[in-house]
Amino acid sequence: MKEIQGPRAKEHAASRRRAGLTRETVVLQKTPQGEMASVILEGRGDAALSLLRTLEGTDPFDRRFAGRVTAFHGITAPTANRMPRNEPVFDRYR
């Protein structure tokens, strides 16, 4: 997180613009089972497709990000494309 808030902030912002994202929020949740990060993406269109665009990207920042997503979550472009979409159950701002 420090990297994308510091020396790679411009690259990160450009990556998100390319993907069509307008907002990205990461929240660290502490539970009795341990810590968990929740990521909330907003943008033009389907956020899952935005993630897929980034995972398939050719930009060096996107390639590095994709590698980290795969290493940490096991998600690749093909698996992301097959993942079920999240179902919003409550959104006060809609």
C-alpha atoms as a PDB file:
ATOM      1  CA  MET A   1       0.000   0.000   0.000  1.00  0.00           C
ATOM      2  CA  LYS A   2       2.821   2.382   0.768  1.00  0.00           C
ATOM      3  CA  GLU A   3       4.166   1.907  -2.746  1.00  0.00           C
ATOM      4  CA  ILE A   4       0.925   2.943  -4.494  1.00  0.00           C
ATOM      5  CA  GLN A   5       0.459   5.848  -2.113  1.00  0.00           C
ATOM      6  CA  GLY A   6       4.030   7.008  -2.609  1.00  0.00           C
ATOM      7  CA  PRO A   7       6.535   6.380  -5.418  1.00  0.00           C
ATOM      8  CA  ARG A   8       4.076   4.538  -7.701  1.00  0.00           C
ATOM      9  CA  ALA A   9       1.014   6.725  -7.047  1.00  0.00           C
ATOM     10  CA  LYS A  10       0.972   8.197 -10.580  1.00  0.00           C
ATOM     11  CA  GLU A  11       1.357   4.771 -12.206  1.00  0.00           C
ATOM     12  CA  HIS A  12      -1.412   3.390 -10.005  1.00  0.00           C
ATOM     13  CA  ALA A  13      -3.763   6.275 -10.884  1.00  0.00           C
ATOM     14  CA  ALA A  14      -3.045   5.840 -14.602  1.00  0.00           C
ATOM     15  CA  SER A  15      -3.728   2.102 -14.322  1.00  0.00           C
ATOM     16  CA  ARG A  16      -7.080   2.710 -12.703  1.00  0.00           C
ATOM     17  CA  ARG A  17      -8.024   5.314 -15.336  1.00  0.00           C
ATOM     18  CA  ARG A  18      -7.190   2.832 -18.112  1.00  0.00           C
ATOM     19  CA  ALA A  19      -9.440   0.285 -16.392  1.00  0.00           C
ATOM     20  CA  GLY A  20     -12.310   2.780 -16.148  1.00  0.00           C
ATOM     21  CA  LEU A  21     -12.208   3.004 -12.359  1.00  0.00           C
ATOM     22  CA  THR A  22     -13.061   6.262 -10.640  1.00  0.00           C
ATOM     23  CA  ARG A  23     -12.673   5.147  -7.028  1.00  0.00           C
ATOM     24  CA  GLU A  24     -10.869   2.374  -5.189  1.00  0.00           C
ATOM     25  CA  THR A  25     -11.206   1.856  -1.451  1.00  0.00           C
ATOM     26  CA  VAL A  26      -9.260  -0.735   0.531  1.00  0.00           C
ATOM     27  CA  VAL A  27     -10.393  -1.433   4.080  1.00  0.00           C
ATOM     28  CA  LEU A  28      -8.496  -3.584   6.572  1.00  0.00           C
ATOM     29  CA  GLN A  29     -10.949  -5.538   8.699  1.00  0.00           C
ATOM     30  CA  LYS A  30      -9.789  -7.155  11.922  1.00  0.00           C
ATOM     31  CA  THR A  31     -11.777 -10.239  12.854  1.00  0.00           C
ATOM     32  CA  PRO A  32     -11.339 -12.974  15.489  1.00  0.00           C
ATOM     33  CA  GLN A  33     -10.036 -15.188  12.639  1.00  0.00           C
ATOM     34  CA  GLY A  34      -7.431 -12.613  11.571  1.00  0.00           C
ATOM     35  CA  GLU A  35      -7.154  -9.622   9.270  1.00  0.00           C
ATOM     36  CA  MET A  36      -8.899  -9.356   5.930  1.00  0.00           C
ATOM     37  CA  ALA A  37      -8.777  -6.697   3.245  1.00  0.00           C
ATOM     38  CA  SER A  38     -11.962  -5.607   1.486  1.00  0.00           C
ATOM     39  CA  VAL A  39     -11.599  -3.814  -1.834  1.00  0.00           C
ATOM     40  CA  ILE A  40     -14.415  -1.654  -3.191  1.00  0.00           C
ATOM     41  CA  LEU A  41     -14.149  -0.560  -6.827  1.00  0.00           C
ATOM     42  CA  GLU A  42     -16.320   2.061  -8.521  1.00  0.00           C
ATOM     43  CA  GLY A  43     -16.237   3.193 -12.085  1.00  0.00           C
ATOM     44  CA  ARG A  44     -17.808   3.241 -15.467  1.00  0.00           C
ATOM     45  CA  GLY A  45     -19.425  -0.109 -16.081  1.00  0.00           C
ATOM     46  CA  ASP A  46     -18.693  -3.456 -14.480  1.00  0.00           C
ATOM     47  CA  ALA A  47     -15.925  -3.366 -11.844  1.00  0.00           C
ATOM     48  CA  ALA A  48     -15.125  -7.029 -12.500  1.00  0.00           C
ATOM     49  CA  LEU A  49     -14.437  -6.174 -16.138  1.00  0.00           C
ATOM     50  CA  SER A  50     -12.197  -3.348 -14.952  1.00  0.00           C
ATOM     51  CA  LEU A  51     -10.189  -5.853 -12.919  1.00  0.00           C
ATOM     52  CA  LEU A  52     -10.006  -8.132 -15.950  1.00  0.00           C
ATOM     53  CA  ARG A  53      -8.706  -5.240 -18.102  1.00  0.00           C
ATOM     54  CA  THR A  54      -5.952  -4.632 -15.564  1.00  0.00           C
ATOM     55  CA  LEU A  55      -5.043  -8.326 -15.317  1.00  0.00           C
ATOM     56  CA  GLU A  56      -4.804  -8.493 -19.122  1.00  0.00           C
ATOM     57  CA  GLY A  57      -2.974  -5.166 -19.420  1.00  0.00           C
ATOM     58  CA  THR A  58       0.406  -4.816 -21.069  1.00  0.00           C
ATOM     59  CA  ASP A  59       1.564  -1.747 -19.141  1.00  0.00           C
ATOM     60  CA  PRO A  60       4.485  -2.615 -16.798  1.00  0.00           C
ATOM     61  CA  PHE A  61       2.532  -1.440 -13.722  1.00  0.00           C
ATOM     62  CA  ASP A  62      -0.466  -3.573 -14.710  1.00  0.00           C
ATOM     63  CA  ARG A  63       1.760  -6.612 -15.325  1.00  0.00           C
ATOM     64  CA  ARG A  64       3.329  -6.213 -11.881  1.00  0.00           C
ATOM     65  CA  PHE A  65      -0.095  -5.731 -10.273  1.00  0.00           C
ATOM     66  CA  ALA A  66      -1.448  -8.825 -12.073  1.00  0.00           C
ATOM     67  CA  GLY A  67       1.480 -10.876 -10.784  1.00  0.00           C
ATOM     68  CA  ARG A  68       0.790  -9.778  -7.226  1.00  0.00           C
ATOM     69  CA  VAL A  69      -2.941 -10.485  -7.526  1.00  0.00           C
ATOM     70  CA  THR A  70      -2.143 -13.974  -8.814  1.00  0.00           C
ATOM     71  CA  ALA A  71       0.433 -14.641  -6.093  1.00  0.00           C
ATOM     72  CA  PHE A  72      -1.768 -13.372  -3.262  1.00  0.00           C
ATOM     73  CA  HIS A  73      -5.272 -14.388  -4.384  1.00  0.00           C
ATOM     74  CA  GLY A  74      -4.644 -17.016  -7.067  1.00  0.00           C
ATOM     75  CA  ILE A  75      -6.662 -14.945  -9.548  1.00  0.00           C
ATOM     76  CA  THR A  76      -5.558 -14.774 -13.182  1.00  0.00           C
ATOM     77  CA  ALA A  77      -7.310 -13.182 -16.162  1.00  0.00           C
ATOM     78  CA  PRO A  78      -8.975 -16.491 -17.178  1.00  0.00           C
ATOM     79  CA  THR A  79     -10.162 -17.238 -13.625  1.00  0.00           C
ATOM     80  CA  ALA A  80     -11.352 -13.645 -13.102  1.00  0.00           C
ATOM     81  CA  ASN A  81     -13.435 -13.913 -16.248  1.00  0.00           C
ATOM     82  CA  ARG A  82     -15.202 -17.007 -14.852  1.00  0.00           C
ATOM     83  CA  MET A  83     -15.767 -15.673 -11.333  1.00  0.00           C
ATOM     84  CA  PRO A  84     -19.365 -15.002 -10.318  1.00  0.00           C
ATOM     85  CA  ARG A  85     -20.221 -11.315 -10.108  1.00  0.00           C
ATOM     86  CA  ASN A  86     -20.893  -9.814  -6.705  1.00  0.00           C
ATOM     87  CA  GLU A  87     -24.543  -9.172  -5.987  1.00  0.00           C
ATOM     88  CA  PRO A  88     -25.212  -5.822  -4.344  1.00  0.00           C
ATOM     89  CA  VAL A  89     -27.576  -6.322  -1.429  1.00  0.00           C
ATOM     90  CA  PHE A  90     -27.655  -2.736  -0.148  1.00  0.00           C
ATOM     91  CA  ASP A  91     -26.459   0.547  -1.585  1.00  0.00           C
ATOM     92  CA  ARG A  92     -27.871   3.655   0.028  1.00  0.00           C
ATOM     93  CA  TYR A  93     -26.497   5.928  -2.713  1.00  0.00           C
ATOM     94  CA  ARG A  94     -28.270   4.348  -5.680  1.00  0.00           C
END
